Protein backbone atom coordinates (compact mmCIF):
# COMPACT_ATOMS: atom_id res chain seq x y z
CA MET A 1 23.73 149.15 120.23
CA LYS A 2 25.22 147.65 123.37
CA LEU A 3 26.54 144.12 123.80
CA PHE A 4 28.46 142.31 126.52
CA VAL A 5 31.91 141.74 125.05
CA ASP A 6 35.28 141.13 126.76
CA LEU A 7 33.79 141.09 130.27
CA ALA A 8 31.94 144.41 129.95
CA ARG A 9 28.87 145.92 128.28
CA ARG A 10 30.21 147.87 125.33
CA ASP A 11 28.75 150.64 123.22
CA LEU A 12 29.22 149.48 119.63
CA THR A 13 30.13 152.20 117.15
CA PRO A 14 28.09 152.03 113.92
CA ILE A 15 30.30 150.91 111.04
CA ALA A 16 29.65 154.07 109.00
CA ALA A 17 30.78 156.31 111.84
CA PHE A 18 33.82 154.11 112.46
CA ARG A 19 34.87 154.26 108.81
CA ALA A 20 34.46 158.04 108.74
CA ALA A 21 36.38 158.60 111.96
CA LEU A 22 39.37 156.51 110.85
CA ASN A 23 39.21 157.25 107.10
CA LEU A 24 38.50 153.64 106.17
CA PRO A 25 37.17 152.45 102.80
CA GLN A 26 33.54 151.43 102.35
CA THR A 27 34.68 147.83 101.92
CA PHE A 28 35.82 147.66 105.54
CA GLY A 29 33.33 145.48 107.41
CA ALA A 30 32.53 141.96 108.56
CA VAL A 31 31.95 140.75 105.02
CA HIS A 32 35.48 141.83 104.05
CA PHE A 33 36.94 139.40 106.56
CA GLU A 34 34.34 136.64 106.40
CA PRO A 35 32.24 136.70 103.22
CA SER A 36 29.93 134.10 104.75
CA ALA A 37 28.99 136.71 107.36
CA GLY A 38 27.15 138.76 104.73
CA ALA A 39 23.47 139.44 105.15
CA ARG A 40 20.92 137.42 103.24
CA PRO A 41 18.49 139.30 101.03
CA GLY A 42 15.96 141.22 103.09
CA TRP A 43 12.20 140.83 102.94
CA THR A 44 10.11 143.33 100.99
CA GLY A 45 6.65 143.65 99.46
CA ALA A 46 4.56 140.52 99.75
CA ALA A 47 7.02 138.98 102.17
CA ALA A 48 6.66 141.90 104.58
CA HIS A 49 2.89 141.53 104.41
CA GLU A 50 3.18 137.81 105.12
CA LEU A 51 5.40 138.47 108.14
CA ALA A 52 2.91 140.98 109.49
CA GLU A 53 0.15 138.38 109.16
CA VAL A 54 2.20 135.79 111.03
CA GLN A 55 2.80 138.21 113.89
CA GLU A 56 -0.82 139.34 113.98
CA ALA A 57 -2.08 135.75 114.08
CA VAL A 58 0.05 135.00 117.13
CA LEU A 59 -0.88 138.22 118.92
CA GLU A 60 -4.59 137.81 118.24
CA ALA A 61 -4.43 134.32 119.76
CA MET A 62 -3.03 135.70 123.02
CA PRO A 63 -5.61 136.22 125.79
CA MET A 64 -6.45 139.79 126.73
CA GLN A 65 -6.87 138.83 130.38
CA LEU A 66 -5.15 135.90 132.06
CA PRO A 67 -3.60 135.47 135.52
CA LEU A 68 -0.08 134.21 135.92
CA ARG A 69 -1.21 130.69 136.80
CA GLY A 70 -2.85 130.36 133.37
CA TRP A 71 0.18 131.19 131.24
CA PRO A 72 2.07 127.88 131.51
CA LEU A 73 -0.85 126.27 129.64
CA ALA A 74 -1.40 129.23 127.31
CA LEU A 75 2.14 129.44 125.90
CA PRO A 76 2.54 126.01 124.21
CA PRO A 77 -0.41 126.52 121.80
CA LEU A 78 1.04 129.91 120.83
CA VAL A 79 4.37 128.29 120.03
CA THR A 80 2.61 125.69 117.91
CA LEU A 81 0.63 128.39 116.11
CA LEU A 82 3.81 130.31 115.30
CA GLN A 83 5.39 127.11 113.96
CA ASN A 84 2.39 126.43 111.73
CA LYS A 85 2.17 129.98 110.41
CA LEU A 86 5.87 130.06 109.57
CA ASP A 87 5.63 126.67 107.86
CA GLU A 88 2.83 128.05 105.69
CA ALA A 89 4.76 131.22 104.88
CA ALA A 90 8.11 129.50 104.32
CA PRO A 91 7.91 129.24 100.49
CA LEU A 92 7.25 132.96 100.08
CA LEU A 93 9.76 134.03 102.73
CA GLY A 94 12.49 131.64 101.64
CA LEU A 95 12.74 130.19 105.14
CA GLY A 96 14.45 126.87 105.72
CA SER A 97 13.65 124.48 108.53
CA HIS A 98 16.64 125.79 110.49
CA ASP A 99 15.35 129.39 110.24
CA ILE A 100 11.88 128.39 111.41
CA ALA A 101 13.25 126.33 114.27
CA PHE A 102 15.39 129.27 115.39
CA ILE A 103 12.46 131.72 115.44
CA VAL A 104 10.12 129.28 117.16
CA ASN A 105 12.66 128.17 119.77
CA THR A 106 13.67 131.75 120.51
CA PHE A 107 10.03 132.75 120.91
CA ALA A 108 9.36 129.82 123.25
CA GLU A 109 12.49 130.46 125.31
CA LEU A 110 12.01 134.21 125.73
CA CYS A 111 8.30 133.97 126.50
CA GLN A 112 9.04 131.34 129.15
CA THR A 113 11.86 133.46 130.57
CA TYR A 114 9.57 136.49 130.73
CA LEU A 115 6.87 134.43 132.43
CA HIS A 116 9.35 133.35 135.11
CA ALA A 117 10.33 136.99 135.59
CA LEU A 118 6.67 137.97 135.92
CA ILE A 119 6.09 135.27 138.54
CA SER A 120 9.22 136.24 140.49
CA ALA A 121 8.31 139.92 140.41
CA ARG A 122 4.77 139.40 141.60
CA SER A 123 5.87 136.93 144.29
CA ALA A 124 8.20 139.61 145.64
CA GLY A 125 5.56 142.33 145.38
CA GLN A 126 7.50 144.14 142.67
CA PRO A 127 6.30 145.90 139.48
CA LEU A 128 6.07 144.03 136.21
CA PRO A 129 9.58 143.39 134.83
CA ASP A 130 10.97 145.23 131.82
CA PHE A 131 11.18 142.84 128.88
CA GLU A 132 13.96 144.91 127.28
CA VAL A 133 16.25 144.13 130.22
CA ILE A 134 15.47 140.42 129.98
CA TYR A 135 15.96 140.39 126.23
CA ALA A 136 19.27 142.28 126.43
CA SER A 137 20.54 139.80 129.01
CA TRP A 138 19.58 136.88 126.77
CA LEU A 139 21.22 138.40 123.69
CA ASP A 140 24.36 139.19 125.69
CA SER A 141 24.53 135.56 126.78
CA THR A 142 24.85 134.52 123.11
CA VAL A 143 27.68 136.91 122.20
CA GLN A 144 30.88 135.35 120.89
CA VAL A 145 34.07 136.82 119.52
CA GLY A 146 35.25 134.78 116.54
CA GLY A 147 38.34 132.67 117.07
CA ALA A 148 39.95 133.74 113.79
CA VAL A 149 42.12 136.87 113.98
CA TYR A 150 42.51 138.77 110.70
CA PRO A 151 45.35 141.23 110.05
CA TYR A 152 44.40 144.53 108.46
CA VAL A 153 46.94 147.13 107.40
CA HIS A 154 45.86 150.76 107.68
CA ARG A 155 48.30 153.63 107.18
CA GLY A 156 51.26 151.43 107.95
CA GLU A 157 49.74 150.06 111.15
CA VAL A 158 48.75 146.40 111.41
CA TRP A 159 45.45 145.85 113.18
CA ALA A 160 43.97 142.61 114.47
CA VAL A 161 40.29 142.13 113.61
CA GLN A 162 37.78 139.59 114.88
CA VAL A 163 34.17 139.08 113.85
CA LEU A 164 31.60 139.59 116.59
CA ARG A 165 28.58 137.26 116.64
CA HIS A 166 25.41 136.71 118.61
CA ALA A 167 22.33 134.48 118.33
CA TYR A 168 21.32 135.97 114.99
CA GLY A 169 24.74 135.66 113.38
CA SER A 170 27.33 138.30 112.58
CA ALA A 171 26.90 141.51 114.60
CA GLY A 172 30.07 143.47 113.94
CA LEU A 173 33.78 143.59 114.64
CA VAL A 174 36.33 143.87 117.40
CA VAL A 175 39.26 145.90 116.08
CA TRP A 176 42.56 145.90 117.93
CA THR A 177 44.94 148.71 117.00
CA ASP A 178 48.32 149.50 118.53
CA THR A 179 46.71 151.75 121.13
CA LEU A 180 42.95 151.13 121.29
CA THR A 181 40.31 148.44 120.98
CA TYR A 182 37.16 149.31 119.04
CA TYR A 183 33.81 147.54 119.17
CA VAL A 184 31.94 148.10 115.92
CA GLU A 185 28.35 147.37 114.92
CA ASP A 186 27.97 146.21 111.32
CA SER A 187 24.27 146.00 110.50
CA ALA A 188 25.08 145.25 106.85
CA ALA A 189 26.16 141.81 108.00
CA GLY A 190 22.99 141.31 110.01
CA CYS A 191 20.26 138.72 109.65
CA PRO A 192 16.74 139.57 108.40
CA LEU A 193 15.36 137.18 111.02
CA GLN A 194 16.42 139.56 113.79
CA PRO A 195 14.06 142.52 113.33
CA PHE A 196 11.06 140.25 112.81
CA THR A 197 11.86 138.06 115.81
CA GLU A 198 12.56 141.05 118.04
CA ALA A 199 9.33 142.81 117.03
CA LEU A 200 7.32 139.64 117.66
CA LEU A 201 8.93 139.09 121.06
CA ARG A 202 8.38 142.67 122.22
CA ALA A 203 4.75 142.65 121.14
CA ALA A 204 4.11 139.25 122.75
CA ALA A 205 5.72 140.30 126.03
CA ALA A 206 3.61 143.46 126.09
CA ARG A 207 0.46 141.36 125.56
CA MET A 208 1.48 139.01 128.37
CA ALA A 209 2.09 141.86 130.80
CA ALA A 210 -1.17 143.59 129.86
CA ALA A 211 -3.16 140.36 130.26
CA VAL A 212 -1.66 139.67 133.69
CA GLN A 213 -2.34 143.24 134.82
CA ALA A 214 -5.90 143.11 133.52
CA ALA A 215 -6.51 139.87 135.43
CA GLU A 216 -5.10 141.36 138.62
CA GLU A 217 -7.28 144.45 138.29
CA ALA A 218 -10.36 142.32 137.63
CA SER A 219 -9.73 140.17 140.71
CA SER A 220 -9.24 143.17 142.96
CA SER A 221 -12.34 145.05 141.82
């Protein structure tokens, strides 16, 4: 995983590889320094099925063919539909109002951002934009390095450790040793909202791009 940290886009080392390379215990991770950064229980079984139904309902409601000028009116009903579906699924998924608001607002923001990118690209006669680039830029814009600095003693050396966060919560660690700075991904401290939200966003963006392209092809034929 890559994130923009300390004025540059960094390759984050997976926590397991980092522990192995530096002979660290299995307890070394974001949760060791901030227990509140620990992941919530993941979704399995019936919950996973419910999530799939929420995503499918939103995707099925998206038009298969729609020009760019039609999307400003098409997006708000999709946002409302997502809100309603998540409200219905909340008891089974254990979602609070804050969780639902986060997913819905993120969906609305990223779809609108992608629409603007589509409009800009087509106005300039350029190919359809890559949603992954837009999403990475958005996620990078939410990255924060925690203000608290935690000392950690390893083999007689005192390190300084900070928890790395982004829109979904804890993402990993920044580890300052005497000689090097390490940027570490700690998925164990991740948020179960992230994979669902990312999958929904990617699928929705693909539907938007396909619908716009289909409309352009229909108008030119």
